[in-house]
C-alpha cells in the first residue's frame, strides 16, 4: 500500500496534542480532588475531541487514499482499504 501526503494531518495532530494537554490537566483535577461533575465534563470534551480527530482521519482516508488506490493499486485494493478502516467507524 502506497502512502500519500495528507493536507489535513497537521490539523489532526494539533487537535490531538490539544486533547493530550487537556487530558493531562484532567489528571491534575483528579489529584486536586475537584468535583466529579467537573471532571466528567472535561473528560467528555476530550472524548469528543478525539472522536472528531478520528472522524477527520477516516474521512481523509476515504477522500484521499481510496482515490489514489483507484489510480494505482486498483478497485480491489480500495475496497480492502475501506473494509479495513470501516471497523473504526
N, C-alpha and C. Protein backbone atom coordinates (compact mmCIF):
# COMPACT_ATOMS: atom_id res chain seq x y z
N UNK A 1 0.85 -1.17 0.00
CA UNK A 1 0.00 0.00 0.00
C UNK A 1 0.90 1.24 0.00
N UNK A 2 0.65 2.14 -0.92
CA UNK A 2 1.42 3.38 -1.03
C UNK A 2 0.93 4.38 0.02
N UNK A 3 1.83 5.27 0.41
CA UNK A 3 1.47 6.32 1.37
C UNK A 3 1.51 7.65 0.64
N UNK A 4 0.59 8.51 0.96
CA UNK A 4 0.47 9.80 0.32
C UNK A 4 0.41 10.89 1.37
N UNK A 5 0.88 12.08 0.98
CA UNK A 5 0.81 13.22 1.88
C UNK A 5 -0.65 13.61 2.10
N UNK A 6 -0.98 13.96 3.31
CA UNK A 6 -2.34 14.35 3.65
C UNK A 6 -2.31 15.79 4.15
N UNK A 7 -3.04 16.65 3.50
CA UNK A 7 -3.02 18.06 3.85
C UNK A 7 -3.64 18.34 5.22
N UNK A 8 -4.54 17.47 5.70
CA UNK A 8 -5.18 17.76 6.98
C UNK A 8 -4.49 17.08 8.17
N UNK A 9 -3.42 16.33 7.95
CA UNK A 9 -2.74 15.70 9.08
C UNK A 9 -2.21 16.71 10.10
N UNK A 10 -1.62 17.85 9.67
CA UNK A 10 -1.18 18.82 10.69
C UNK A 10 -2.32 19.30 11.58
N UNK A 11 -3.50 19.49 11.02
CA UNK A 11 -4.66 19.92 11.83
C UNK A 11 -5.08 18.81 12.80
N UNK A 12 -5.01 17.57 12.36
CA UNK A 12 -5.36 16.44 13.23
C UNK A 12 -4.35 16.33 14.36
N UNK A 13 -3.07 16.48 14.04
CA UNK A 13 -2.02 16.43 15.06
C UNK A 13 -2.22 17.54 16.08
N UNK A 14 -2.53 18.73 15.61
CA UNK A 14 -2.77 19.86 16.52
C UNK A 14 -3.95 19.56 17.45
N UNK A 15 -5.02 19.01 16.90
CA UNK A 15 -6.20 18.67 17.69
C UNK A 15 -5.86 17.62 18.74
N UNK A 16 -5.09 16.60 18.36
CA UNK A 16 -4.73 15.53 19.30
C UNK A 16 -3.77 16.04 20.38
N UNK A 17 -2.84 16.90 19.99
CA UNK A 17 -1.93 17.48 21.00
C UNK A 17 -2.70 18.32 22.01
N UNK A 18 -3.70 19.06 21.53
CA UNK A 18 -4.53 19.86 22.43
C UNK A 18 -5.30 18.93 23.38
N UNK A 19 -5.84 17.84 22.85
CA UNK A 19 -6.58 16.89 23.69
C UNK A 19 -5.65 16.24 24.70
N UNK A 20 -4.42 15.93 24.30
CA UNK A 20 -3.46 15.32 25.22
C UNK A 20 -3.13 16.26 26.37
N UNK A 21 -2.94 17.53 26.08
CA UNK A 21 -2.69 18.52 27.13
C UNK A 21 -3.87 18.66 28.06
N UNK A 22 -5.05 18.64 27.46
CA UNK A 22 -6.26 18.76 28.25
C UNK A 22 -6.43 17.54 29.16
N UNK A 23 -6.12 16.36 28.63
CA UNK A 23 -6.22 15.14 29.43
C UNK A 23 -5.25 15.19 30.61
N UNK A 24 -4.06 15.73 30.38
CA UNK A 24 -3.10 15.86 31.48
C UNK A 24 -3.65 16.78 32.56
N UNK A 25 -4.34 17.84 32.15
CA UNK A 25 -4.92 18.75 33.16
C UNK A 25 -6.04 18.06 33.93
N UNK A 26 -6.73 17.12 33.30
CA UNK A 26 -7.78 16.38 34.00
C UNK A 26 -7.18 15.50 35.09
N UNK A 27 -6.01 14.92 34.81
CA UNK A 27 -5.33 14.14 35.85
C UNK A 27 -5.06 15.04 37.05
N UNK A 28 -4.63 16.26 36.78
CA UNK A 28 -4.41 17.23 37.86
C UNK A 28 -5.69 17.52 38.62
N UNK A 29 -6.79 17.63 37.90
CA UNK A 29 -8.08 17.87 38.56
C UNK A 29 -8.41 16.73 39.52
N UNK A 30 -8.14 15.52 39.11
CA UNK A 30 -8.43 14.35 39.96
C UNK A 30 -7.53 14.38 41.18
N UNK A 31 -6.25 14.66 40.96
CA UNK A 31 -5.30 14.73 42.07
C UNK A 31 -5.67 15.85 43.06
N UNK A 32 -6.25 16.92 42.55
CA UNK A 32 -6.68 18.04 43.40
C UNK A 32 -8.05 17.79 44.04
N UNK A 33 -8.62 16.63 43.75
CA UNK A 33 -9.93 16.22 44.28
C UNK A 33 -11.02 17.21 43.91
N UNK A 34 -11.01 17.65 42.65
CA UNK A 34 -12.05 18.54 42.14
C UNK A 34 -13.35 17.77 42.04
N UNK A 35 -14.48 18.45 41.95
CA UNK A 35 -15.78 17.77 41.87
C UNK A 35 -15.87 16.85 40.65
N UNK A 36 -16.48 15.69 40.89
CA UNK A 36 -16.60 14.67 39.84
C UNK A 36 -17.36 15.19 38.62
N UNK A 37 -18.34 16.03 38.84
CA UNK A 37 -19.12 16.58 37.72
C UNK A 37 -18.20 17.39 36.80
N UNK A 38 -17.31 18.19 37.40
CA UNK A 38 -16.38 18.99 36.60
C UNK A 38 -15.43 18.09 35.82
N UNK A 39 -14.94 17.05 36.46
CA UNK A 39 -14.01 16.11 35.82
C UNK A 39 -14.72 15.39 34.67
N UNK A 40 -15.93 14.92 34.92
CA UNK A 40 -16.70 14.22 33.88
C UNK A 40 -16.95 15.12 32.67
N UNK A 41 -17.23 16.38 32.93
CA UNK A 41 -17.46 17.34 31.84
C UNK A 41 -16.20 17.49 31.00
N UNK A 42 -15.06 17.59 31.64
CA UNK A 42 -13.80 17.74 30.92
C UNK A 42 -13.43 16.46 30.17
N UNK A 43 -13.72 15.32 30.77
CA UNK A 43 -13.48 14.04 30.07
C UNK A 43 -14.35 13.94 28.82
N UNK A 44 -15.57 14.41 28.91
CA UNK A 44 -16.46 14.41 27.74
C UNK A 44 -15.88 15.27 26.63
N UNK A 45 -15.31 16.41 26.99
CA UNK A 45 -14.71 17.30 26.00
C UNK A 45 -13.52 16.63 25.30
N UNK A 46 -12.69 15.93 26.07
CA UNK A 46 -11.54 15.22 25.48
C UNK A 46 -12.03 14.09 24.58
N UNK A 47 -13.02 13.35 25.06
CA UNK A 47 -13.57 12.26 24.26
C UNK A 47 -14.12 12.78 22.93
N UNK A 48 -14.81 13.89 22.96
CA UNK A 48 -15.36 14.49 21.74
C UNK A 48 -14.24 14.94 20.80
N UNK A 49 -13.19 15.51 21.35
CA UNK A 49 -12.06 15.96 20.53
C UNK A 49 -11.38 14.79 19.83
N UNK A 50 -11.20 13.70 20.55
CA UNK A 50 -10.57 12.52 19.97
C UNK A 50 -11.47 11.90 18.91
N UNK A 51 -12.77 11.82 19.18
CA UNK A 51 -13.71 11.29 18.19
C UNK A 51 -13.72 12.15 16.93
N UNK A 52 -13.62 13.44 17.11
CA UNK A 52 -13.58 14.36 15.97
C UNK A 52 -12.31 14.15 15.14
N UNK A 53 -11.19 13.94 15.81
CA UNK A 53 -9.93 13.69 15.10
C UNK A 53 -10.00 12.37 14.34
N UNK A 54 -10.60 11.36 14.95
CA UNK A 54 -10.75 10.06 14.27
C UNK A 54 -11.63 10.20 13.04
N UNK A 55 -12.71 10.92 13.17
CA UNK A 55 -13.61 11.13 12.05
C UNK A 55 -12.91 11.87 10.92
N UNK A 56 -12.14 12.89 11.25
CA UNK A 56 -11.40 13.64 10.23
C UNK A 56 -10.39 12.75 9.52
N UNK A 57 -9.69 11.89 10.28
CA UNK A 57 -8.72 10.99 9.69
C UNK A 57 -9.39 9.98 8.75
N UNK A 58 -10.49 9.39 9.19
CA UNK A 58 -11.19 8.41 8.36
C UNK A 58 -11.77 9.07 7.12
N UNK A 59 -12.37 10.25 7.28
CA UNK A 59 -12.89 10.96 6.11
C UNK A 59 -11.78 11.29 5.12
N UNK A 60 -10.63 11.69 5.64
CA UNK A 60 -9.49 11.97 4.77
C UNK A 60 -9.06 10.71 4.03
N UNK A 61 -9.04 9.60 4.72
CA UNK A 61 -8.66 8.33 4.09
C UNK A 61 -9.63 8.01 2.96
N UNK A 62 -10.89 8.15 3.22
CA UNK A 62 -11.89 7.86 2.20
C UNK A 62 -11.73 8.81 1.01
N UNK A 63 -11.57 10.10 1.29
CA UNK A 63 -11.46 11.10 0.23
C UNK A 63 -10.16 11.00 -0.54
N UNK A 64 -9.07 10.69 0.15
CA UNK A 64 -7.75 10.80 -0.44
C UNK A 64 -7.17 9.44 -0.84
N UNK A 65 -7.05 8.55 0.12
CA UNK A 65 -6.36 7.28 -0.11
C UNK A 65 -7.10 6.38 -1.09
N UNK A 66 -8.41 6.33 -0.96
CA UNK A 66 -9.15 5.45 -1.85
C UNK A 66 -9.14 5.95 -3.28
N UNK A 67 -9.08 7.25 -3.46
CA UNK A 67 -8.96 7.80 -4.81
C UNK A 67 -7.61 7.39 -5.41
N UNK A 68 -6.55 7.46 -4.61
CA UNK A 68 -5.23 7.06 -5.10
C UNK A 68 -5.16 5.56 -5.35
N UNK A 69 -5.86 4.77 -4.58
CA UNK A 69 -5.88 3.33 -4.83
C UNK A 69 -6.48 3.05 -6.19
N UNK A 70 -7.47 3.85 -6.55
CA UNK A 70 -8.10 3.71 -7.86
C UNK A 70 -7.08 3.97 -8.97
N UNK A 71 -6.17 4.93 -8.74
CA UNK A 71 -5.16 5.28 -9.74
C UNK A 71 -4.03 4.25 -9.80
N UNK A 72 -3.71 3.62 -8.67
CA UNK A 72 -2.54 2.74 -8.62
C UNK A 72 -2.85 1.28 -8.44
N UNK A 73 -3.33 0.92 -7.28
CA UNK A 73 -3.47 -0.49 -6.92
C UNK A 73 -4.79 -1.09 -7.35
N UNK A 74 -5.72 -0.29 -7.80
CA UNK A 74 -6.97 -0.79 -8.35
C UNK A 74 -8.11 -0.84 -7.36
N UNK A 75 -9.31 -1.06 -7.89
CA UNK A 75 -10.52 -1.06 -7.07
C UNK A 75 -10.52 -2.13 -5.97
N UNK A 76 -9.93 -3.27 -6.23
CA UNK A 76 -9.92 -4.33 -5.21
C UNK A 76 -9.18 -3.86 -3.96
N UNK A 77 -8.06 -3.16 -4.15
CA UNK A 77 -7.31 -2.64 -3.01
C UNK A 77 -8.09 -1.54 -2.31
N UNK A 78 -8.77 -0.69 -3.08
CA UNK A 78 -9.59 0.38 -2.49
C UNK A 78 -10.68 -0.22 -1.61
N UNK A 79 -11.31 -1.28 -2.08
CA UNK A 79 -12.36 -1.95 -1.31
C UNK A 79 -11.77 -2.56 -0.04
N UNK A 80 -10.62 -3.19 -0.16
CA UNK A 80 -9.97 -3.80 1.00
C UNK A 80 -9.62 -2.73 2.04
N UNK A 81 -9.11 -1.58 1.57
CA UNK A 81 -8.78 -0.50 2.50
C UNK A 81 -10.03 0.03 3.19
N UNK A 82 -11.10 0.17 2.44
CA UNK A 82 -12.34 0.67 3.03
C UNK A 82 -12.87 -0.31 4.08
N UNK A 83 -12.83 -1.58 3.78
CA UNK A 83 -13.27 -2.59 4.76
C UNK A 83 -12.41 -2.53 6.02
N UNK A 84 -11.11 -2.35 5.84
CA UNK A 84 -10.21 -2.31 6.99
C UNK A 84 -10.49 -1.11 7.89
N UNK A 85 -10.70 0.04 7.29
CA UNK A 85 -10.91 1.24 8.11
C UNK A 85 -12.33 1.37 8.64
N UNK A 86 -13.29 0.73 7.98
CA UNK A 86 -14.69 0.87 8.40
C UNK A 86 -14.95 0.26 9.77
N UNK A 87 -14.10 -0.64 10.23
CA UNK A 87 -14.32 -1.21 11.57
C UNK A 87 -14.08 -0.18 12.67
N UNK A 88 -13.48 0.96 12.32
CA UNK A 88 -13.23 2.01 13.30
C UNK A 88 -14.29 3.10 13.28
N UNK A 89 -15.29 2.95 12.44
CA UNK A 89 -16.36 3.95 12.35
C UNK A 89 -17.26 3.91 13.55
